[in-house]
Amino acid sequence: MKVDPNGYMTFAIAHKIGCADMGVFGRKEYVEGWAKLGADTLSKQQAIIANYATELQTDKKIFRTMYKWIFSYIREDERKRTVPKALAAGVWTIVFEKSEFPLIDAFVQFIQDNEDA
């Protein structure tokens, strides 16, 4: 698919096709998710991914929707309302690109250095 497995588009794809568990693309979720999007070929999947990447960069509402979804996706326990600080910091460095969010590294360092954060 030509997607960096360590980049935010991995989250975007999981969101788009409706994956339930972090790091797992189950066969059923994968096939049914792409089928719902009408993407039965690799080229159609790539087109949807490219379009979604553009939407995420240009539409704050779409980005916000995916961002909120990410935290429910990465929670270790559905009953918890929080995510471990180290996991959240790792996700922030993936999701927020330095070109768009130049202070992300300083923010993550601040969170990691402060127990109360």
PDB file of N, CA and C in Angstrom:
ATOM      1  N   MET A   1       0.815  -1.211   0.000  1.00  0.00           N
ATOM      2  CA  MET A   1       0.000   0.000   0.000  1.00  0.00           C
ATOM      3  C   MET A   1       0.847   1.259   0.000  1.00  0.00           C
ATOM      4  N   LYS A   2       2.130   1.083   0.226  1.00  0.00           N
ATOM      5  CA  LYS A   2       3.052   2.217   0.264  1.00  0.00           C
ATOM      6  C   LYS A   2       2.744   3.149   1.430  1.00  0.00           C
ATOM      7  N   VAL A   3       2.509   2.563   2.598  1.00  0.00           N
ATOM      8  CA  VAL A   3       2.231   3.313   3.814  1.00  0.00           C
ATOM      9  C   VAL A   3       3.309   2.975   4.828  1.00  0.00           C
ATOM     10  N   ASP A   4       3.863   4.003   5.465  1.00  0.00           N
ATOM     11  CA  ASP A   4       4.865   3.790   6.503  1.00  0.00           C
ATOM     12  C   ASP A   4       4.186   3.126   7.704  1.00  0.00           C
ATOM     13  N   PRO A   5       4.581   1.908   8.059  1.00  0.00           N
ATOM     14  CA  PRO A   5       3.916   1.227   9.174  1.00  0.00           C
ATOM     15  C   PRO A   5       4.119   1.929  10.515  1.00  0.00           C
ATOM     16  N   ASN A   6       5.088   2.830  10.594  1.00  0.00           N
ATOM     17  CA  ASN A   6       5.340   3.582  11.818  1.00  0.00           C
ATOM     18  C   ASN A   6       4.727   4.975  11.786  1.00  0.00           C
ATOM     19  N   GLY A   7       3.975   5.283  10.729  1.00  0.00           N
ATOM     20  CA  GLY A   7       3.393   6.604  10.580  1.00  0.00           C
ATOM     21  C   GLY A   7       1.928   6.654  10.981  1.00  0.00           C
ATOM     22  N   TYR A   8       1.381   7.855  10.981  1.00  0.00           N
ATOM     23  CA  TYR A   8      -0.002   8.045  11.407  1.00  0.00           C
ATOM     24  C   TYR A   8      -1.015   7.431  10.458  1.00  0.00           C
ATOM     25  N   MET A   9      -0.624   7.181   9.205  1.00  0.00           N
ATOM     26  CA  MET A   9      -1.585   6.605   8.267  1.00  0.00           C
ATOM     27  C   MET A   9      -1.970   5.174   8.650  1.00  0.00           C
ATOM     28  N   THR A  10      -1.152   4.505   9.432  1.00  0.00           N
ATOM     29  CA  THR A  10      -1.548   3.183   9.918  1.00  0.00           C
ATOM     30  C   THR A  10      -2.775   3.327  10.820  1.00  0.00           C
ATOM     31  N   PHE A  11      -2.767   4.355  11.672  1.00  0.00           N
ATOM     32  CA  PHE A  11      -3.958   4.643  12.480  1.00  0.00           C
ATOM     33  C   PHE A  11      -5.132   5.032  11.583  1.00  0.00           C
ATOM     34  N   ALA A  12      -4.849   5.842  10.573  1.00  0.00           N
ATOM     35  CA  ALA A  12      -5.912   6.308   9.685  1.00  0.00           C
ATOM     36  C   ALA A  12      -6.579   5.145   8.952  1.00  0.00           C
ATOM     37  N   ILE A  13      -5.784   4.201   8.494  1.00  0.00           N
ATOM     38  CA  ILE A  13      -6.346   3.035   7.810  1.00  0.00           C
ATOM     39  C   ILE A  13      -7.187   2.219   8.782  1.00  0.00           C
ATOM     40  N   ALA A  14      -6.655   1.989   9.986  1.00  0.00           N
ATOM     41  CA  ALA A  14      -7.410   1.233  10.992  1.00  0.00           C
ATOM     42  C   ALA A  14      -8.734   1.923  11.287  1.00  0.00           C
ATOM     43  N   HIS A  15      -8.713   3.236  11.366  1.00  0.00           N
ATOM     44  CA  HIS A  15      -9.940   4.002  11.601  1.00  0.00           C
ATOM     45  C   HIS A  15     -10.897   3.858  10.432  1.00  0.00           C
ATOM     46  N   LYS A  16     -10.376   4.014   9.249  1.00  0.00           N
ATOM     47  CA  LYS A  16     -11.204   3.989   8.049  1.00  0.00           C
ATOM     48  C   LYS A  16     -11.899   2.645   7.855  1.00  0.00           C
ATOM     49  N   ILE A  17     -11.206   1.543   8.144  1.00  0.00           N
ATOM     50  CA  ILE A  17     -11.820   0.230   7.905  1.00  0.00           C
ATOM     51  C   ILE A  17     -12.466  -0.362   9.160  1.00  0.00           C
ATOM     52  N   GLY A  18     -12.365   0.353  10.276  1.00  0.00           N
ATOM     53  CA  GLY A  18     -13.088  -0.058  11.471  1.00  0.00           C
ATOM     54  C   GLY A  18     -12.431  -1.125  12.322  1.00  0.00           C
ATOM     55  N   CYS A  19     -11.134  -1.065  12.458  1.00  0.00           N
ATOM     56  CA  CYS A  19     -10.434  -2.029  13.318  1.00  0.00           C
ATOM     57  C   CYS A  19     -10.757  -1.750  14.785  1.00  0.00           C
ATOM     58  N   ALA A  20     -10.856  -2.813  15.551  1.00  0.00           N
ATOM     59  CA  ALA A  20     -11.225  -2.667  16.956  1.00  0.00           C
ATOM     60  C   ALA A  20     -10.037  -2.728  17.906  1.00  0.00           C
ATOM     61  N   ASP A  21      -9.001  -3.481  17.552  1.00  0.00           N
ATOM     62  CA  ASP A  21      -7.878  -3.680  18.454  1.00  0.00           C
ATOM     63  C   ASP A  21      -6.590  -3.118  17.872  1.00  0.00           C
ATOM     64  N   MET A  22      -5.855  -2.377  18.703  1.00  0.00           N
ATOM     65  CA  MET A  22      -4.618  -1.743  18.252  1.00  0.00           C
ATOM     66  C   MET A  22      -3.617  -2.785  17.752  1.00  0.00           C
ATOM     67  N   GLY A  23      -3.071  -2.505  16.596  1.00  0.00           N
ATOM     68  CA  GLY A  23      -2.031  -3.346  16.029  1.00  0.00           C
ATOM     69  C   GLY A  23      -2.536  -4.606  15.351  1.00  0.00           C
ATOM     70  N   VAL A  24      -3.848  -4.772  15.303  1.00  0.00           N
ATOM     71  CA  VAL A  24      -4.414  -5.980  14.712  1.00  0.00           C
ATOM     72  C   VAL A  24      -5.325  -5.604  13.553  1.00  0.00           C
ATOM     73  N   PHE A  25      -4.997  -6.127  12.399  1.00  0.00           N
ATOM     74  CA  PHE A  25      -5.862  -5.996  11.238  1.00  0.00           C
ATOM     75  C   PHE A  25      -6.404  -7.401  10.966  1.00  0.00           C
ATOM     76  N   GLY A  26      -7.496  -7.732  11.625  1.00  0.00           N
ATOM     77  CA  GLY A  26      -8.086  -9.054  11.436  1.00  0.00           C
ATOM     78  C   GLY A  26      -8.602  -9.214  10.014  1.00  0.00           C
ATOM     79  N   ARG A  27      -8.560 -10.420   9.530  1.00  0.00           N
ATOM     80  CA  ARG A  27      -8.999 -10.689   8.152  1.00  0.00           C
ATOM     81  C   ARG A  27     -10.425 -10.193   7.906  1.00  0.00           C
ATOM     82  N   LYS A  28     -11.333 -10.527   8.816  1.00  0.00           N
ATOM     83  CA  LYS A  28     -12.731 -10.136   8.643  1.00  0.00           C
ATOM     84  C   LYS A  28     -12.873  -8.610   8.618  1.00  0.00           C
ATOM     85  N   GLU A  29     -12.246  -7.925   9.599  1.00  0.00           N
ATOM     86  CA  GLU A  29     -12.298  -6.459   9.638  1.00  0.00           C
ATOM     87  C   GLU A  29     -11.725  -5.861   8.366  1.00  0.00           C
ATOM     88  N   TYR A  30     -10.601  -6.408   7.945  1.00  0.00           N
ATOM     89  CA  TYR A  30      -9.906  -5.888   6.778  1.00  0.00           C
ATOM     90  C   TYR A  30     -10.771  -6.034   5.520  1.00  0.00           C
ATOM     91  N   VAL A  31     -11.266  -7.214   5.283  1.00  0.00           N
ATOM     92  CA  VAL A  31     -12.057  -7.478   4.071  1.00  0.00           C
ATOM     93  C   VAL A  31     -13.369  -6.710   4.101  1.00  0.00           C
ATOM     94  N   GLU A  32     -14.078  -6.793   5.229  1.00  0.00           N
ATOM     95  CA  GLU A  32     -15.374  -6.109   5.314  1.00  0.00           C
ATOM     96  C   GLU A  32     -15.220  -4.588   5.320  1.00  0.00           C
ATOM     97  N   GLY A  33     -14.173  -4.100   5.975  1.00  0.00           N
ATOM     98  CA  GLY A  33     -13.933  -2.656   6.003  1.00  0.00           C
ATOM     99  C   GLY A  33     -13.691  -2.078   4.623  1.00  0.00           C
ATOM    100  N   TRP A  34     -12.816  -2.725   3.864  1.00  0.00           N
ATOM    101  CA  TRP A  34     -12.549  -2.245   2.505  1.00  0.00           C
ATOM    102  C   TRP A  34     -13.760  -2.445   1.608  1.00  0.00           C
ATOM    103  N   ALA A  35     -14.507  -3.519   1.808  1.00  0.00           N
ATOM    104  CA  ALA A  35     -15.708  -3.755   0.996  1.00  0.00           C
ATOM    105  C   ALA A  35     -16.728  -2.640   1.216  1.00  0.00           C
ATOM    106  N   LYS A  36     -16.912  -2.218   2.476  1.00  0.00           N
ATOM    107  CA  LYS A  36     -17.839  -1.118   2.775  1.00  0.00           C
ATOM    108  C   LYS A  36     -17.424   0.173   2.085  1.00  0.00           C
ATOM    109  N   LEU A  37     -16.121   0.312   1.883  1.00  0.00           N
ATOM    110  CA  LEU A  37     -15.604   1.518   1.213  1.00  0.00           C
ATOM    111  C   LEU A  37     -15.577   1.361  -0.305  1.00  0.00           C
ATOM    112  N   GLY A  38     -15.960   0.193  -0.781  1.00  0.00           N
ATOM    113  CA  GLY A  38     -15.963  -0.059  -2.227  1.00  0.00           C
ATOM    114  C   GLY A  38     -14.573  -0.233  -2.803  1.00  0.00           C
ATOM    115  N   ALA A  39     -13.643  -0.672  -1.973  1.00  0.00           N
ATOM    116  CA  ALA A  39     -12.251  -0.802  -2.412  1.00  0.00           C
ATOM    117  C   ALA A  39     -11.880  -2.282  -2.495  1.00  0.00           C
ATOM    118  N   ASP A  40     -12.158  -2.866  -3.638  1.00  0.00           N
ATOM    119  CA  ASP A  40     -11.887  -4.286  -3.817  1.00  0.00           C
ATOM    120  C   ASP A  40     -10.575  -4.564  -4.546  1.00  0.00           C
ATOM    121  N   THR A  41      -9.818  -3.517  -4.810  1.00  0.00           N
ATOM    122  CA  THR A  41      -8.504  -3.688  -5.427  1.00  0.00           C
ATOM    123  C   THR A  41      -7.494  -2.823  -4.685  1.00  0.00           C
ATOM    124  N   LEU A  42      -6.230  -3.170  -4.832  1.00  0.00           N
ATOM    125  CA  LEU A  42      -5.176  -2.402  -4.177  1.00  0.00           C
ATOM    126  C   LEU A  42      -5.172  -0.956  -4.663  1.00  0.00           C
ATOM    127  N   SER A  43      -5.394  -0.746  -5.937  1.00  0.00           N
ATOM    128  CA  SER A  43      -5.380   0.627  -6.461  1.00  0.00           C
ATOM    129  C   SER A  43      -6.522   1.456  -5.869  1.00  0.00           C
ATOM    130  N   LYS A  44      -7.679   0.851  -5.651  1.00  0.00           N
ATOM    131  CA  LYS A  44      -8.786   1.575  -5.018  1.00  0.00           C
ATOM    132  C   LYS A  44      -8.471   1.874  -3.557  1.00  0.00           C
ATOM    133  N   GLN A  45      -7.837   0.920  -2.879  1.00  0.00           N
ATOM    134  CA  GLN A  45      -7.446   1.145  -1.495  1.00  0.00           C
ATOM    135  C   GLN A  45      -6.438   2.283  -1.405  1.00  0.00           C
ATOM    136  N   GLN A  46      -5.467   2.299  -2.294  1.00  0.00           N
ATOM    137  CA  GLN A  46      -4.464   3.364  -2.298  1.00  0.00           C
ATOM    138  C   GLN A  46      -5.103   4.718  -2.568  1.00  0.00           C
ATOM    139  N   ALA A  47      -6.088   4.758  -3.456  1.00  0.00           N
ATOM    140  CA  ALA A  47      -6.779   6.013  -3.757  1.00  0.00           C
ATOM    141  C   ALA A  47      -7.542   6.513  -2.530  1.00  0.00           C
ATOM    142  N   ILE A  48      -8.199   5.599  -1.833  1.00  0.00           N
ATOM    143  CA  ILE A  48      -8.940   5.984  -0.623  1.00  0.00           C
ATOM    144  C   ILE A  48      -7.977   6.491   0.443  1.00  0.00           C
ATOM    145  N   ILE A  49      -6.851   5.807   0.601  1.00  0.00           N
ATOM    146  CA  ILE A  49      -5.848   6.231   1.586  1.00  0.00           C
ATOM    147  C   ILE A  49      -5.305   7.615   1.233  1.00  0.00           C
ATOM    148  N   ALA A  50      -4.986   7.835  -0.026  1.00  0.00           N
ATOM    149  CA  ALA A  50      -4.458   9.138  -0.454  1.00  0.00           C
ATOM    150  C   ALA A  50      -5.486  10.244  -0.210  1.00  0.00           C
ATOM    151  N   ASN A  51      -6.738   9.969  -0.523  1.00  0.00           N
ATOM    152  CA  ASN A  51      -7.793  10.948  -0.320  1.00  0.00           C
ATOM    153  C   ASN A  51      -7.978  11.239   1.167  1.00  0.00           C
ATOM    154  N   TYR A  52      -7.953  10.195   1.985  1.00  0.00           N
ATOM    155  CA  TYR A  52      -8.124  10.370   3.422  1.00  0.00           C
ATOM    156  C   TYR A  52      -6.950  11.148   4.016  1.00  0.00           C
ATOM    157  N   ALA A  53      -5.748  10.893   3.532  1.00  0.00           N
ATOM    158  CA  ALA A  53      -4.574  11.639   3.994  1.00  0.00           C
ATOM    159  C   ALA A  53      -4.749  13.129   3.724  1.00  0.00           C
ATOM    160  N   THR A  54      -5.250  13.456   2.547  1.00  0.00           N
ATOM    161  CA  THR A  54      -5.504  14.856   2.194  1.00  0.00           C
ATOM    162  C   THR A  54      -6.573  15.449   3.103  1.00  0.00           C
ATOM    163  N   GLU A  55      -7.648  14.697   3.317  1.00  0.00           N
ATOM    164  CA  GLU A  55      -8.722  15.173   4.194  1.00  0.00           C
ATOM    165  C   GLU A  55      -8.201  15.436   5.604  1.00  0.00           C
ATOM    166  N   LEU A  56      -7.369  14.540   6.108  1.00  0.00           N
ATOM    167  CA  LEU A  56      -6.828  14.705   7.459  1.00  0.00           C
ATOM    168  C   LEU A  56      -5.968  15.957   7.572  1.00  0.00           C
ATOM    169  N   GLN A  57      -5.293  16.311   6.496  1.00  0.00           N
ATOM    170  CA  GLN A  57      -4.426  17.485   6.512  1.00  0.00           C
ATOM    171  C   GLN A  57      -5.190  18.782   6.284  1.00  0.00           C
ATOM    172  N   THR A  58      -6.341  18.705   5.643  1.00  0.00           N
ATOM    173  CA  THR A  58      -7.053  19.934   5.271  1.00  0.00           C
ATOM    174  C   THR A  58      -8.340  20.180   6.038  1.00  0.00           C
ATOM    175  N   ASP A  59      -8.894  19.163   6.663  1.00  0.00           N
ATOM    176  CA  ASP A  59     -10.172  19.311   7.356  1.00  0.00           C
ATOM    177  C   ASP A  59      -9.980  18.992   8.843  1.00  0.00           C
ATOM    178  N   LYS A  60      -9.999  20.032   9.663  1.00  0.00           N
ATOM    179  CA  LYS A  60      -9.753  19.856  11.099  1.00  0.00           C
ATOM    180  C   LYS A  60     -10.808  18.966  11.760  1.00  0.00           C
ATOM    181  N   LYS A  61     -12.023  19.005  11.277  1.00  0.00           N
ATOM    182  CA  LYS A  61     -13.087  18.186  11.855  1.00  0.00           C
ATOM    183  C   LYS A  61     -12.806  16.695  11.622  1.00  0.00           C
ATOM    184  N   ILE A  62     -12.366  16.350  10.438  1.00  0.00           N
ATOM    185  CA  ILE A  62     -12.038  14.957  10.129  1.00  0.00           C
ATOM    186  C   ILE A  62     -10.844  14.514  10.964  1.00  0.00           C
ATOM    187  N   PHE A  63      -9.819  15.367  11.056  1.00  0.00           N
ATOM    188  CA  PHE A  63      -8.657  15.040  11.878  1.00  0.00           C
ATOM    189  C   PHE A  63      -9.076  14.839  13.334  1.00  0.00           C
ATOM    190  N   ARG A  64      -9.898  15.720  13.860  1.00  0.00           N
ATOM    191  CA  ARG A  64     -10.348  15.635  15.244  1.00  0.00           C
ATOM    192  C   ARG A  64     -11.121  14.330  15.498  1.00  0.00           C
ATOM    193  N   THR A  65     -11.949  13.940  14.545  1.00  0.00           N
ATOM    194  CA  THR A  65     -12.701  12.688  14.670  1.00  0.00           C
ATOM    195  C   THR A  65     -11.748  11.500  14.759  1.00  0.00           C
ATOM    196  N   MET A  66     -10.745  11.469  13.879  1.00  0.00           N
ATOM    197  CA  MET A  66      -9.791  10.369  13.915  1.00  0.00           C
ATOM    198  C   MET A  66      -8.975  10.418  15.206  1.00  0.00           C
ATOM    199  N   TYR A  67      -8.567  11.596  15.630  1.00  0.00           N
ATOM    200  CA  TYR A  67      -7.760  11.748  16.837  1.00  0.00           C
ATOM    201  C   TYR A  67      -8.512  11.207  18.054  1.00  0.00           C
ATOM    202  N   LYS A  68      -9.781  11.550  18.190  1.00  0.00           N
ATOM    203  CA  LYS A  68     -10.583  11.048  19.308  1.00  0.00           C
ATOM    204  C   LYS A  68     -10.716   9.526  19.223  1.00  0.00           C
ATOM    205  N   TRP A  69     -10.885   9.014  18.029  1.00  0.00           N
ATOM    206  CA  TRP A  69     -10.996   7.573  17.838  1.00  0.00           C
ATOM    207  C   TRP A  69      -9.704   6.873  18.271  1.00  0.00           C
ATOM    208  N   ILE A  70      -8.567   7.456  17.956  1.00  0.00           N
ATOM    209  CA  ILE A  70      -7.285   6.836  18.294  1.00  0.00           C
ATOM    210  C   ILE A  70      -7.213   6.511  19.782  1.00  0.00           C
ATOM    211  N   PHE A  71      -7.649   7.422  20.632  1.00  0.00           N
ATOM    212  CA  PHE A  71      -7.514   7.170  22.056  1.00  0.00           C
ATOM    213  C   PHE A  71      -8.464   6.099  22.558  1.00  0.00           C
ATOM    214  N   SER A  72      -9.593   5.923  21.934  1.00  0.00           N
ATOM    215  CA  SER A  72     -10.422   4.774  22.316  1.00  0.00           C
ATOM    216  C   SER A  72      -9.804   3.493  21.754  1.00  0.00           C
ATOM    217  N   TYR A  73      -9.145   3.598  20.621  1.00  0.00           N
ATOM    218  CA  TYR A  73      -8.498   2.459  19.964  1.00  0.00           C
ATOM    219  C   TYR A  73      -7.293   1.945  20.737  1.00  0.00           C
ATOM    220  N   ILE A  74      -6.526   2.838  21.347  1.00  0.00           N
ATOM    221  CA  ILE A  74      -5.292   2.426  22.029  1.00  0.00           C
ATOM    222  C   ILE A  74      -5.477   2.152  23.513  1.00  0.00           C
ATOM    223  N   ARG A  75      -6.650   2.436  24.045  1.00  0.00           N
ATOM    224  CA  ARG A  75      -6.876   2.152  25.466  1.00  0.00           C
ATOM    225  C   ARG A  75      -6.666   0.675  25.740  1.00  0.00           C
ATOM    226  N   GLU A  76      -5.984   0.399  26.819  1.00  0.00           N
ATOM    227  CA  GLU A  76      -5.710  -0.985  27.198  1.00  0.00           C
ATOM    228  C   GLU A  76      -6.922  -1.641  27.848  1.00  0.00           C
ATOM    229  N   ASP A  77      -7.812  -0.828  28.386  1.00  0.00           N
ATOM    230  CA  ASP A  77      -8.998  -1.341  29.059  1.00  0.00           C
ATOM    231  C   ASP A  77     -10.160  -0.410  28.710  1.00  0.00           C
ATOM    232  N   GLU A  78     -11.203  -0.947  28.144  1.00  0.00           N
ATOM    233  CA  GLU A  78     -12.343  -0.125  27.721  1.00  0.00           C
ATOM    234  C   GLU A  78     -12.986   0.647  28.871  1.00  0.00           C
ATOM    235  N   ARG A  79     -12.826   0.142  30.082  1.00  0.00           N
ATOM    236  CA  ARG A  79     -13.439   0.803  31.232  1.00  0.00           C
ATOM    237  C   ARG A  79     -12.654   2.027  31.687  1.00  0.00           C
ATOM    238  N   LYS A  80     -11.406   2.128  31.273  1.00  0.00           N
ATOM    239  CA  LYS A  80     -10.579   3.270  31.674  1.00  0.00           C
ATOM    240  C   LYS A  80     -10.813   4.443  30.739  1.00  0.00           C
ATOM    241  N   ARG A  81     -10.686   5.623  31.299  1.00  0.00           N
ATOM    242  CA  ARG A  81     -10.863   6.843  30.509  1.00  0.00           C
ATOM    243  C   ARG A  81      -9.533   7.457  30.113  1.00  0.00           C
ATOM    244  N   THR A  82      -8.439   6.845  30.563  1.00  0.00           N
ATOM    245  CA  THR A  82      -7.121   7.394  30.277  1.00  0.00           C
ATOM    246  C   THR A  82      -6.240   6.361  29.587  1.00  0.00           C
ATOM    247  N   VAL A  83      -5.131   6.869  29.099  1.00  0.00           N
ATOM    248  CA  VAL A  83      -4.128   6.051  28.416  1.00  0.00           C
ATOM    249  C   VAL A  83      -2.814   6.280  29.156  1.00  0.00           C
ATOM    250  N   PRO A  84      -1.992   5.240  29.322  1.00  0.00           N
ATOM    251  CA  PRO A  84      -0.698   5.460  29.975  1.00  0.00           C
ATOM    252  C   PRO A  84       0.083   6.581  29.285  1.00  0.00           C
ATOM    253  N   LYS A  85       0.737   7.387  30.106  1.00  0.00           N
ATOM    254  CA  LYS A  85       1.448   8.566  29.605  1.00  0.00           C
ATOM    255  C   LYS A  85       2.461   8.222  28.515  1.00  0.00           C
ATOM    256  N   ALA A  86       3.209   7.153  28.695  1.00  0.00           N
ATOM    257  CA  ALA A  86       4.227   6.772  27.707  1.00  0.00           C
ATOM    258  C   ALA A  86       3.583   6.407  26.367  1.00  0.00           C
ATOM    259  N   LEU A  87       2.458   5.716  26.415  1.00  0.00           N
ATOM    260  CA  LEU A  87       1.757   5.350  25.181  1.00  0.00           C
ATOM    261  C   LEU A  87       1.203   6.595  24.493  1.00  0.00           C
ATOM    262  N   ALA A  88       0.590   7.475  25.283  1.00  0.00           N
ATOM    263  CA  ALA A  88       0.058   8.722  24.721  1.00  0.00           C
ATOM    264  C   ALA A  88       1.170   9.543  24.071  1.00  0.00           C
ATOM    265  N   ALA A  89       2.303   9.652  24.741  1.00  0.00           N
ATOM    266  CA  ALA A  89       3.430  10.420  24.194  1.00  0.00           C
ATOM    267  C   ALA A  89       3.914   9.810  22.886  1.00  0.00           C
ATOM    268  N   GLY A  90       3.987   8.504  22.827  1.00  0.00           N
ATOM    269  CA  GLY A  90       4.394   7.840  21.594  1.00  0.00           C
ATOM    270  C   GLY A  90       3.428   8.099  20.457  1.00  0.00           C
ATOM    271  N   VAL A  91       2.149   8.061  20.770  1.00  0.00           N
ATOM    272  CA  VAL A  91       1.134   8.322  19.741  1.00  0.00           C
ATOM    273  C   VAL A  91       1.211   9.770  19.271  1.00  0.00           C
ATOM    274  N   TRP A  92       1.389  10.698  20.194  1.00  0.00           N
ATOM    275  CA  TRP A  92       1.475  12.108  19.804  1.00  0.00           C
ATOM    276  C   TRP A  92       2.619  12.342  18.819  1.00  0.00           C
ATOM    277  N   THR A  93       3.752  11.693  19.052  1.00  0.00           N
ATOM    278  CA  THR A  93       4.883  11.907  18.147  1.00  0.00           C
ATOM    279  C   THR A  93       4.633  11.304  16.771  1.00  0.00           C
ATOM    280  N   ILE A  94       3.719  10.352  16.689  1.00  0.00           N
ATOM    281  CA  ILE A  94       3.367   9.766  15.390  1.00  0.00           C
ATOM    282  C   ILE A  94       2.306  10.607  14.688  1.00  0.00           C
ATOM    283  N   VAL A  95       1.281  10.993  15.428  1.00  0.00           N
ATOM    284  CA  VAL A  95       0.120  11.658  14.840  1.00  0.00           C
ATOM    285  C   VAL A  95       0.380  13.122  14.493  1.00  0.00           C
ATOM    286  N   PHE A  96       1.117  13.814  15.344  1.00  0.00           N
ATOM    287  CA  PHE A  96       1.376  15.232  15.108  1.00  0.00           C
ATOM    288  C   PHE A  96       2.721  15.405  14.424  1.00  0.00           C
ATOM    289  N   GLU A  97       2.683  15.729  13.152  1.00  0.00           N
ATOM    290  CA  GLU A  97       3.916  15.908  12.385  1.00  0.00           C
ATOM    291  C   GLU A  97       4.594  17.216  12.779  1.00  0.00           C
ATOM    292  N   LYS A  98       5.914  17.173  12.840  1.00  0.00           N
ATOM    293  CA  LYS A  98       6.686  18.350  13.268  1.00  0.00           C
ATOM    294  C   LYS A  98       6.452  19.556  12.368  1.00  0.00           C
ATOM    295  N   SER A  99       6.209  19.318  11.092  1.00  0.00           N
ATOM    296  CA  SER A  99       5.986  20.447  10.190  1.00  0.00           C
ATOM    297  C   SER A  99       4.695  21.188  10.535  1.00  0.00           C
ATOM    298  N   GLU A 100       3.695  20.465  11.032  1.00  0.00           N
ATOM    299  CA  GLU A 100       2.420  21.075  11.403  1.00  0.00           C
ATOM    300  C   GLU A 100       2.397  21.516  12.871  1.00  0.00           C
ATOM    301  N   PHE A 101       3.122  20.784  13.709  1.00  0.00           N
ATOM    302  CA  PHE A 101       3.137  21.028  15.146  1.00  0.00           C
ATOM    303  C   PHE A 101       4.589  21.109  15.627  1.00  0.00           C
ATOM    304  N   PRO A 102       5.242  22.242  15.384  1.00  0.00           N
ATOM    305  CA  PRO A 102       6.678  22.343  15.670  1.00  0.00           C
ATOM    306  C   PRO A 102       7.049  22.182  17.148  1.00  0.00           C
ATOM    307  N   LEU A 103       6.097  22.336  18.052  1.00  0.00           N
ATOM    308  CA  LEU A 103       6.395  22.218  19.473  1.00  0.00           C
ATOM    309  C   LEU A 103       6.098  20.833  20.035  1.00  0.00           C
ATOM    310  N   ILE A 104       5.784  19.868  19.184  1.00  0.00           N
ATOM    311  CA  ILE A 104       5.378  18.549  19.670  1.00  0.00           C
ATOM    312  C   ILE A 104       6.470  17.893  20.512  1.00  0.00           C
ATOM    313  N   ASP A 105       7.719  17.975  20.088  1.00  0.00           N
ATOM    314  CA  ASP A 105       8.796  17.350  20.867  1.00  0.00           C
ATOM    315  C   ASP A 105       8.925  17.981  22.253  1.00  0.00           C
ATOM    316  N   ALA A 106       8.839  19.300  22.316  1.00  0.00           N
ATOM    317  CA  ALA A 106       8.919  19.995  23.606  1.00  0.00           C
ATOM    318  C   ALA A 106       7.727  19.635  24.489  1.00  0.00           C
ATOM    319  N   PHE A 107       6.558  19.531  23.888  1.00  0.00           N
ATOM    320  CA  PHE A 107       5.361  19.154  24.636  1.00  0.00           C
ATOM    321  C   PHE A 107       5.493  17.743  25.206  1.00  0.00           C
ATOM    322  N   VAL A 108       5.907  16.806  24.377  1.00  0.00           N
ATOM    323  CA  VAL A 108       6.071  15.419  24.823  1.00  0.00           C
ATOM    324  C   VAL A 108       7.114  15.339  25.922  1.00  0.00           C
ATOM    325  N   GLN A 109       8.211  16.071  25.767  1.00  0.00           N
ATOM    326  CA  GLN A 109       9.250  16.073  26.802  1.00  0.00           C
ATOM    327  C   GLN A 109       8.700  16.627  28.103  1.00  0.00           C
ATOM    328  N   PHE A 110       7.919  17.698  28.030  1.00  0.00           N
ATOM    329  CA  PHE A 110       7.299  18.284  29.221  1.00  0.00           C
ATOM    330  C   PHE A 110       6.400  17.259  29.915  1.00  0.00           C
ATOM    331  N   ILE A 111       5.579  16.568  29.161  1.00  0.00           N
ATOM    332  CA  ILE A 111       4.684  15.560  29.729  1.00  0.00           C
ATOM    333  C   ILE A 111       5.487  14.444  30.399  1.00  0.00           C
ATOM    334  N   GLN A 112       6.533  14.009  29.730  1.00  0.00           N
ATOM    335  CA  GLN A 112       7.344  12.922  30.282  1.00  0.00           C
ATOM    336  C   GLN A 112       8.115  13.342  31.529  1.00  0.00           C
ATOM    337  N   ASP A 113       8.519  14.601  31.594  1.00  0.00           N
ATOM    338  CA  ASP A 113       9.319  15.079  32.714  1.00  0.00           C
ATOM    339  C   ASP A 113       8.511  15.445  33.947  1.00  0.00           C
ATOM    340  N   ASN A 114       7.213  15.642  33.792  1.00  0.00           N
ATOM    341  CA  ASN A 114       6.379  16.106  34.893  1.00  0.00           C
ATOM    342  C   ASN A 114       5.408  15.019  35.336  1.00  0.00           C
ATOM    343  N   GLU A 115       5.552  14.589  36.568  1.00  0.00           N
ATOM    344  CA  GLU A 115       4.687  13.538  37.095  1.00  0.00           C
ATOM    345  C   GLU A 115       3.221  13.947  37.111  1.00  0.00           C
ATOM    346  N   ASP A 116       2.949  15.217  37.354  1.00  0.00           N
ATOM    347  CA  ASP A 116       1.573  15.681  37.488  1.00  0.00           C
ATOM    348  C   ASP A 116       0.870  15.871  36.141  1.00  0.00           C
ATOM    349  N   ALA A 117       1.627  15.807  35.062  1.00  0.00           N
ATOM    350  CA  ALA A 117       1.038  16.034  33.746  1.00  0.00           C
ATOM    351  C   ALA A 117       0.300  14.795  33.272  1.00  0.00           C
TER     352      ALA A 117
END
